[in-house]
Amino acid sequence: MAICPLCNALEKVSMDCPTCNSPLQDGGKVADYSDPYGHYNDENTIKLFDGYPNTAKDEICPHILVCKECSFERVLFIQEQ
């Protein structure tokens, strides 16, 4: 089973906001925002209902990136290892 390098603190996001050029912060998995009890489920179950059809098959983990300065948000798909 592959693991997400961001979820497991093996890597960090290093991207700047396209609006204000401030550093974007990792806000965690998108699934954490859609299901308040999702962290109790196993990873494969979460991926069935995260709103992205290929996350389980392609072994990707959608993370939300947030700018603390201007509130810009974007989803970044992280390849699991």
PDB file of N, CA and C in Angstrom:
ATOM      1  N   MET A   1       0.837  -1.177   0.000  1.00  0.00           N
ATOM      2  CA  MET A   1       0.000   0.000   0.000  1.00  0.00           C
ATOM      3  C   MET A   1       0.889   1.250   0.000  1.00  0.00           C
ATOM      4  N   ALA A   2       0.587   2.169  -0.876  1.00  0.00           N
ATOM      5  CA  ALA A   2       1.344   3.409  -0.991  1.00  0.00           C
ATOM      6  C   ALA A   2       0.926   4.394   0.106  1.00  0.00           C
ATOM      7  N   ILE A   3       1.850   5.290   0.452  1.00  0.00           N
ATOM      8  CA  ILE A   3       1.547   6.302   1.460  1.00  0.00           C
ATOM      9  C   ILE A   3       1.801   7.695   0.881  1.00  0.00           C
ATOM     10  N   CYS A   4       1.074   8.659   1.410  1.00  0.00           N
ATOM     11  CA  CYS A   4       1.215  10.041   0.970  1.00  0.00           C
ATOM     12  C   CYS A   4       2.401  10.681   1.701  1.00  0.00           C
ATOM     13  N   PRO A   5       3.360  11.224   0.966  1.00  0.00           N
ATOM     14  CA  PRO A   5       4.510  11.837   1.628  1.00  0.00           C
ATOM     15  C   PRO A   5       4.157  13.103   2.425  1.00  0.00           C
ATOM     16  N   LEU A   6       3.079  13.795   2.067  1.00  0.00           N
ATOM     17  CA  LEU A   6       2.674  14.966   2.854  1.00  0.00           C
ATOM     18  C   LEU A   6       1.969  14.549   4.135  1.00  0.00           C
ATOM     19  N   CYS A   7       1.063  13.598   4.037  1.00  0.00           N
ATOM     20  CA  CYS A   7       0.336  13.124   5.225  1.00  0.00           C
ATOM     21  C   CYS A   7       1.284  12.537   6.262  1.00  0.00           C
ATOM     22  N   ASN A   8       2.377  11.946   5.798  1.00  0.00           N
ATOM     23  CA  ASN A   8       3.321  11.282   6.681  1.00  0.00           C
ATOM     24  C   ASN A   8       4.567  12.118   6.972  1.00  0.00           C
ATOM     25  N   ALA A   9       4.502  13.400   6.665  1.00  0.00           N
ATOM     26  CA  ALA A   9       5.573  14.371   6.953  1.00  0.00           C
ATOM     27  C   ALA A   9       6.929  13.958   6.371  1.00  0.00           C
ATOM     28  N   LEU A  10       6.915  13.303   5.209  1.00  0.00           N
ATOM     29  CA  LEU A  10       8.153  12.948   4.527  1.00  0.00           C
ATOM     30  C   LEU A  10       8.602  14.062   3.583  1.00  0.00           C
ATOM     31  N   GLU A  11       7.647  14.883   3.172  1.00  0.00           N
ATOM     32  CA  GLU A  11       7.911  16.019   2.296  1.00  0.00           C
ATOM     33  C   GLU A  11       7.058  17.196   2.741  1.00  0.00           C
ATOM     34  N   LYS A  12       7.425  18.390   2.268  1.00  0.00           N
ATOM     35  CA  LYS A  12       6.650  19.596   2.524  1.00  0.00           C
ATOM     36  C   LYS A  12       6.328  20.272   1.205  1.00  0.00           C
ATOM     37  N   VAL A  13       5.243  21.023   1.199  1.00  0.00           N
ATOM     38  CA  VAL A  13       4.862  21.781   0.017  1.00  0.00           C
ATOM     39  C   VAL A  13       5.702  23.053  -0.042  1.00  0.00           C
ATOM     40  N   SER A  14       6.194  23.345  -1.220  1.00  0.00           N
ATOM     41  CA  SER A  14       6.967  24.560  -1.413  1.00  0.00           C
ATOM     42  C   SER A  14       6.429  25.276  -2.653  1.00  0.00           C
ATOM     43  N   MET A  15       5.286  25.951  -2.476  1.00  0.00           N
ATOM     44  CA  MET A  15       4.650  26.668  -3.571  1.00  0.00           C
ATOM     45  C   MET A  15       4.216  28.039  -3.073  1.00  0.00           C
ATOM     46  N   ASP A  16       4.247  28.995  -3.970  1.00  0.00           N
ATOM     47  CA  ASP A  16       3.801  30.338  -3.632  1.00  0.00           C
ATOM     48  C   ASP A  16       2.416  30.591  -4.207  1.00  0.00           C
ATOM     49  N   CYS A  17       1.686  31.454  -3.550  1.00  0.00           N
ATOM     50  CA  CYS A  17       0.348  31.840  -3.974  1.00  0.00           C
ATOM     51  C   CYS A  17       0.444  32.601  -5.299  1.00  0.00           C
ATOM     52  N   PRO A  18      -0.370  32.227  -6.293  1.00  0.00           N
ATOM     53  CA  PRO A  18      -0.331  32.942  -7.569  1.00  0.00           C
ATOM     54  C   PRO A  18      -0.935  34.347  -7.475  1.00  0.00           C
ATOM     55  N   THR A  19      -1.683  34.619  -6.410  1.00  0.00           N
ATOM     56  CA  THR A  19      -2.320  35.918  -6.246  1.00  0.00           C
ATOM     57  C   THR A  19      -1.421  36.931  -5.546  1.00  0.00           C
ATOM     58  N   CYS A  20      -0.796  36.519  -4.419  1.00  0.00           N
ATOM     59  CA  CYS A  20      -0.020  37.480  -3.623  1.00  0.00           C
ATOM     60  C   CYS A  20       1.439  37.063  -3.385  1.00  0.00           C
ATOM     61  N   ASN A  21       1.833  35.919  -3.918  1.00  0.00           N
ATOM     62  CA  ASN A  21       3.203  35.396  -3.807  1.00  0.00           C
ATOM     63  C   ASN A  21       3.628  34.997  -2.399  1.00  0.00           C
ATOM     64  N   SER A  22       2.702  34.879  -1.467  1.00  0.00           N
ATOM     65  CA  SER A  22       3.013  34.355  -0.136  1.00  0.00           C
ATOM     66  C   SER A  22       3.105  32.834  -0.217  1.00  0.00           C
ATOM     67  N   PRO A  23       3.803  32.201   0.717  1.00  0.00           N
ATOM     68  CA  PRO A  23       3.887  30.731   0.677  1.00  0.00           C
ATOM     69  C   PRO A  23       2.528  30.087   0.973  1.00  0.00           C
ATOM     70  N   LEU A  24       2.201  29.059   0.200  1.00  0.00           N
ATOM     71  CA  LEU A  24       0.978  28.299   0.451  1.00  0.00           C
ATOM     72  C   LEU A  24       1.230  27.287   1.561  1.00  0.00           C
ATOM     73  N   GLN A  25       0.238  27.091   2.405  1.00  0.00           N
ATOM     74  CA  GLN A  25       0.323  26.145   3.517  1.00  0.00           C
ATOM     75  C   GLN A  25      -0.503  24.908   3.191  1.00  0.00           C
ATOM     76  N   ASP A  26      -0.016  23.744   3.584  1.00  0.00           N
ATOM     77  CA  ASP A  26      -0.768  22.503   3.407  1.00  0.00           C
ATOM     78  C   ASP A  26      -1.892  22.476   4.432  1.00  0.00           C
ATOM     79  N   GLY A  27      -3.122  22.440   3.939  1.00  0.00           N
ATOM     80  CA  GLY A  27      -4.286  22.394   4.817  1.00  0.00           C
ATOM     81  C   GLY A  27      -4.755  20.979   5.108  1.00  0.00           C
ATOM     82  N   GLY A  28      -4.058  19.977   4.573  1.00  0.00           N
ATOM     83  CA  GLY A  28      -4.428  18.585   4.807  1.00  0.00           C
ATOM     84  C   GLY A  28      -5.216  17.991   3.654  1.00  0.00           C
ATOM     85  N   LYS A  29      -5.670  16.778   3.856  1.00  0.00           N
ATOM     86  CA  LYS A  29      -6.420  16.065   2.820  1.00  0.00           C
ATOM     87  C   LYS A  29      -7.782  16.711   2.601  1.00  0.00           C
ATOM     88  N   VAL A  30      -8.209  16.741   1.370  1.00  0.00           N
ATOM     89  CA  VAL A  30      -9.530  17.275   1.022  1.00  0.00           C
ATOM     90  C   VAL A  30     -10.620  16.493   1.737  1.00  0.00           C
ATOM     91  N   ALA A  31     -10.442  15.178   1.870  1.00  0.00           N
ATOM     92  CA  ALA A  31     -11.450  14.331   2.514  1.00  0.00           C
ATOM     93  C   ALA A  31     -11.684  14.712   3.971  1.00  0.00           C
ATOM     94  N   ASP A  32     -10.694  15.304   4.625  1.00  0.00           N
ATOM     95  CA  ASP A  32     -10.861  15.723   6.017  1.00  0.00           C
ATOM     96  C   ASP A  32     -11.891  16.835   6.156  1.00  0.00           C
ATOM     97  N   TYR A  33     -12.107  17.599   5.084  1.00  0.00           N
ATOM     98  CA  TYR A  33     -13.068  18.698   5.116  1.00  0.00           C
ATOM     99  C   TYR A  33     -14.480  18.235   4.779  1.00  0.00           C
ATOM    100  N   SER A  34     -14.599  17.156   4.015  1.00  0.00           N
ATOM    101  CA  SER A  34     -15.915  16.709   3.584  1.00  0.00           C
ATOM    102  C   SER A  34     -16.572  15.716   4.531  1.00  0.00           C
ATOM    103  N   ASP A  35     -15.795  15.022   5.329  1.00  0.00           N
ATOM    104  CA  ASP A  35     -16.346  14.019   6.238  1.00  0.00           C
ATOM    105  C   ASP A  35     -15.688  14.168   7.604  1.00  0.00           C
ATOM    106  N   PRO A  36     -16.426  14.703   8.591  1.00  0.00           N
ATOM    107  CA  PRO A  36     -15.820  14.921   9.903  1.00  0.00           C
ATOM    108  C   PRO A  36     -15.367  13.641  10.612  1.00  0.00           C
ATOM    109  N   TYR A  37     -15.890  12.500  10.196  1.00  0.00           N
ATOM    110  CA  TYR A  37     -15.491  11.229  10.805  1.00  0.00           C
ATOM    111  C   TYR A  37     -14.630  10.397   9.862  1.00  0.00           C
ATOM    112  N   GLY A  38     -14.186  11.001   8.777  1.00  0.00           N
ATOM    113  CA  GLY A  38     -13.412  10.289   7.769  1.00  0.00           C
ATOM    114  C   GLY A  38     -12.110   9.721   8.281  1.00  0.00           C
ATOM    115  N   HIS A  39     -11.500  10.382   9.252  1.00  0.00           N
ATOM    116  CA  HIS A  39     -10.222   9.884   9.766  1.00  0.00           C
ATOM    117  C   HIS A  39     -10.354   8.554  10.501  1.00  0.00           C
ATOM    118  N   TYR A  40     -11.597   8.138  10.787  1.00  0.00           N
ATOM    119  CA  TYR A  40     -11.810   6.830  11.417  1.00  0.00           C
ATOM    120  C   TYR A  40     -11.858   5.705  10.382  1.00  0.00           C
ATOM    121  N   ASN A  41     -12.008   6.059   9.117  1.00  0.00           N
ATOM    122  CA  ASN A  41     -12.092   5.066   8.047  1.00  0.00           C
ATOM    123  C   ASN A  41     -10.705   4.749   7.500  1.00  0.00           C
ATOM    124  N   ASP A  42     -10.582   3.590   6.861  1.00  0.00           N
ATOM    125  CA  ASP A  42      -9.306   3.268   6.226  1.00  0.00           C
ATOM    126  C   ASP A  42      -9.165   4.091   4.953  1.00  0.00           C
ATOM    127  N   GLU A  43      -7.953   4.229   4.482  1.00  0.00           N
ATOM    128  CA  GLU A  43      -7.627   5.101   3.366  1.00  0.00           C
ATOM    129  C   GLU A  43      -8.381   4.741   2.090  1.00  0.00           C
ATOM    130  N   ASN A  44      -8.569   3.460   1.812  1.00  0.00           N
ATOM    131  CA  ASN A  44      -9.275   3.060   0.592  1.00  0.00           C
ATOM    132  C   ASN A  44     -10.744   3.453   0.631  1.00  0.00           C
ATOM    133  N   THR A  45     -11.370   3.371   1.786  1.00  0.00           N
ATOM    134  CA  THR A  45     -12.763   3.785   1.928  1.00  0.00           C
ATOM    135  C   THR A  45     -12.896   5.286   1.729  1.00  0.00           C
ATOM    136  N   ILE A  46     -11.985   6.035   2.295  1.00  0.00           N
ATOM    137  CA  ILE A  46     -11.995   7.495   2.137  1.00  0.00           C
ATOM    138  C   ILE A  46     -11.902   7.867   0.666  1.00  0.00           C
ATOM    139  N   LYS A  47     -11.036   7.195  -0.069  1.00  0.00           N
ATOM    140  CA  LYS A  47     -10.827   7.517  -1.479  1.00  0.00           C
ATOM    141  C   LYS A  47     -12.034   7.200  -2.352  1.00  0.00           C
ATOM    142  N   LEU A  48     -12.902   6.323  -1.916  1.00  0.00           N
ATOM    143  CA  LEU A  48     -14.115   6.025  -2.679  1.00  0.00           C
ATOM    144  C   LEU A  48     -15.082   7.199  -2.680  1.00  0.00           C
ATOM    145  N   PHE A  49     -15.013   8.041  -1.650  1.00  0.00           N
ATOM    146  CA  PHE A  49     -15.996   9.102  -1.477  1.00  0.00           C
ATOM    147  C   PHE A  49     -15.372  10.495  -1.400  1.00  0.00           C
ATOM    148  N   ASP A  50     -14.148  10.663  -1.889  1.00  0.00           N
ATOM    149  CA  ASP A  50     -13.486  11.969  -1.775  1.00  0.00           C
ATOM    150  C   ASP A  50     -13.857  12.941  -2.893  1.00  0.00           C
ATOM    151  N   GLY A  51     -14.662  12.490  -3.860  1.00  0.00           N
ATOM    152  CA  GLY A  51     -15.095  13.368  -4.942  1.00  0.00           C
ATOM    153  C   GLY A  51     -14.203  13.340  -6.167  1.00  0.00           C
ATOM    154  N   TYR A  52     -13.137  12.573  -6.121  1.00  0.00           N
ATOM    155  CA  TYR A  52     -12.223  12.434  -7.256  1.00  0.00           C
ATOM    156  C   TYR A  52     -12.215  10.973  -7.675  1.00  0.00           C
ATOM    157  N   PRO A  53     -12.594  10.680  -8.914  1.00  0.00           N
ATOM    158  CA  PRO A  53     -12.822   9.288  -9.311  1.00  0.00           C
ATOM    159  C   PRO A  53     -11.594   8.384  -9.370  1.00  0.00           C
ATOM    160  N   ASN A  54     -10.396   8.931  -9.518  1.00  0.00           N
ATOM    161  CA  ASN A  54      -9.225   8.082  -9.733  1.00  0.00           C
ATOM    162  C   ASN A  54      -8.211   8.091  -8.604  1.00  0.00           C
ATOM    163  N   THR A  55      -8.536   8.612  -7.440  1.00  0.00           N
ATOM    164  CA  THR A  55      -7.529   8.719  -6.387  1.00  0.00           C
ATOM    165  C   THR A  55      -7.042   7.355  -5.909  1.00  0.00           C
ATOM    166  N   ALA A  56      -7.918   6.384  -5.803  1.00  0.00           N
ATOM    167  CA  ALA A  56      -7.501   5.054  -5.350  1.00  0.00           C
ATOM    168  C   ALA A  56      -6.691   4.345  -6.439  1.00  0.00           C
ATOM    169  N   LYS A  57      -7.213   4.359  -7.656  1.00  0.00           N
ATOM    170  CA  LYS A  57      -6.557   3.658  -8.764  1.00  0.00           C
ATOM    171  C   LYS A  57      -5.188   4.254  -9.077  1.00  0.00           C
ATOM    172  N   ASP A  58      -5.090   5.574  -9.079  1.00  0.00           N
ATOM    173  CA  ASP A  58      -3.842   6.242  -9.437  1.00  0.00           C
ATOM    174  C   ASP A  58      -2.922   6.495  -8.240  1.00  0.00           C
ATOM    175  N   GLU A  59      -3.367   6.101  -7.055  1.00  0.00           N
ATOM    176  CA  GLU A  59      -2.603   6.287  -5.811  1.00  0.00           C
ATOM    177  C   GLU A  59      -2.151   7.737  -5.633  1.00  0.00           C
ATOM    178  N   ILE A  60      -3.151   8.626  -5.634  1.00  0.00           N
ATOM    179  CA  ILE A  60      -2.891  10.040  -5.392  1.00  0.00           C
ATOM    180  C   ILE A  60      -3.699  10.505  -4.188  1.00  0.00           C
ATOM    181  N   CYS A  61      -3.202  11.520  -3.522  1.00  0.00           N
ATOM    182  CA  CYS A  61      -3.837  12.051  -2.321  1.00  0.00           C
ATOM    183  C   CYS A  61      -4.105  13.548  -2.538  1.00  0.00           C
ATOM    184  N   PRO A  62      -5.371  13.954  -2.678  1.00  0.00           N
ATOM    185  CA  PRO A  62      -5.666  15.367  -2.889  1.00  0.00           C
ATOM    186  C   PRO A  62      -5.540  16.170  -1.597  1.00  0.00           C
ATOM    187  N   HIS A  63      -4.691  17.186  -1.637  1.00  0.00           N
ATOM    188  CA  HIS A  63      -4.480  18.076  -0.492  1.00  0.00           C
ATOM    189  C   HIS A  63      -4.955  19.470  -0.857  1.00  0.00           C
ATOM    190  N   ILE A  64      -5.454  20.184   0.127  1.00  0.00           N
ATOM    191  CA  ILE A  64      -5.837  21.572  -0.101  1.00  0.00           C
ATOM    192  C   ILE A  64      -4.704  22.470   0.374  1.00  0.00           C
ATOM    193  N   LEU A  65      -4.327  23.399  -0.490  1.00  0.00           N
ATOM    194  CA  LEU A  65      -3.300  24.379  -0.164  1.00  0.00           C
ATOM    195  C   LEU A  65      -3.989  25.713   0.066  1.00  0.00           C
ATOM    196  N   VAL A  66      -3.566  26.421   1.111  1.00  0.00           N
ATOM    197  CA  VAL A  66      -4.230  27.650   1.515  1.00  0.00           C
ATOM    198  C   VAL A  66      -3.200  28.762   1.692  1.00  0.00           C
ATOM    199  N   CYS A  67      -3.561  29.953   1.242  1.00  0.00           N
ATOM    200  CA  CYS A  67      -2.732  31.128   1.478  1.00  0.00           C
ATOM    201  C   CYS A  67      -3.282  31.842   2.710  1.00  0.00           C
ATOM    202  N   LYS A  68      -2.450  32.007   3.712  1.00  0.00           N
ATOM    203  CA  LYS A  68      -2.870  32.666   4.956  1.00  0.00           C
ATOM    204  C   LYS A  68      -3.063  34.169   4.776  1.00  0.00           C
ATOM    205  N   GLU A  69      -2.481  34.738   3.726  1.00  0.00           N
ATOM    206  CA  GLU A  69      -2.565  36.184   3.506  1.00  0.00           C
ATOM    207  C   GLU A  69      -3.832  36.602   2.764  1.00  0.00           C
ATOM    208  N   CYS A  70      -4.159  35.899   1.666  1.00  0.00           N
ATOM    209  CA  CYS A  70      -5.293  36.329   0.835  1.00  0.00           C
ATOM    210  C   CYS A  70      -6.420  35.300   0.743  1.00  0.00           C
ATOM    211  N   SER A  71      -6.284  34.167   1.433  1.00  0.00           N
ATOM    212  CA  SER A  71      -7.307  33.105   1.480  1.00  0.00           C
ATOM    213  C   SER A  71      -7.471  32.347   0.159  1.00  0.00           C
ATOM    214  N   PHE A  72      -6.507  32.447  -0.729  1.00  0.00           N
ATOM    215  CA  PHE A  72      -6.519  31.655  -1.963  1.00  0.00           C
ATOM    216  C   PHE A  72      -6.431  30.181  -1.582  1.00  0.00           C
ATOM    217  N   GLU A  73      -7.166  29.330  -2.302  1.00  0.00           N
ATOM    218  CA  GLU A  73      -7.130  27.885  -2.077  1.00  0.00           C
ATOM    219  C   GLU A  73      -7.001  27.162  -3.402  1.00  0.00           C
ATOM    220  N   ARG A  74      -6.305  26.042  -3.375  1.00  0.00           N
ATOM    221  CA  ARG A  74      -6.250  25.165  -4.544  1.00  0.00           C
ATOM    222  C   ARG A  74      -6.006  23.745  -4.075  1.00  0.00           C
ATOM    223  N   VAL A  75      -6.392  22.796  -4.905  1.00  0.00           N
ATOM    224  CA  VAL A  75      -6.178  21.384  -4.614  1.00  0.00           C
ATOM    225  C   VAL A  75      -4.937  20.934  -5.378  1.00  0.00           C
ATOM    226  N   LEU A  76      -4.062  20.239  -4.671  1.00  0.00           N
ATOM    227  CA  LEU A  76      -2.851  19.690  -5.257  1.00  0.00           C
ATOM    228  C   LEU A  76      -2.903  18.174  -5.085  1.00  0.00           C
ATOM    229  N   PHE A  77      -2.718  17.444  -6.168  1.00  0.00           N
ATOM    230  CA  PHE A  77      -2.734  15.983  -6.126  1.00  0.00           C
ATOM    231  C   PHE A  77      -1.320  15.484  -5.912  1.00  0.00           C
ATOM    232  N   ILE A  78      -1.120  14.810  -4.786  1.00  0.00           N
ATOM    233  CA  ILE A  78       0.191  14.306  -4.410  1.00  0.00           C
ATOM    234  C   ILE A  78       0.302  12.831  -4.765  1.00  0.00           C
ATOM    235  N   GLN A  79       1.343  12.483  -5.492  1.00  0.00           N
ATOM    236  CA  GLN A  79       1.574  11.087  -5.845  1.00  0.00           C
ATOM    237  C   GLN A  79       2.051  10.323  -4.627  1.00  0.00           C
ATOM    238  N   GLU A  80       1.357   9.261  -4.296  1.00  0.00           N
ATOM    239  CA  GLU A  80       1.759   8.439  -3.157  1.00  0.00           C
ATOM    240  C   GLU A  80       2.956   7.582  -3.550  1.00  0.00           C
ATOM    241  N   GLN A  81       3.723   7.185  -2.534  1.00  0.00           N
ATOM    242  CA  GLN A  81       4.938   6.410  -2.791  1.00  0.00           C
ATOM    243  C   GLN A  81       4.831   5.056  -2.149  1.00  0.00           C
TER     244      GLN A  81
END
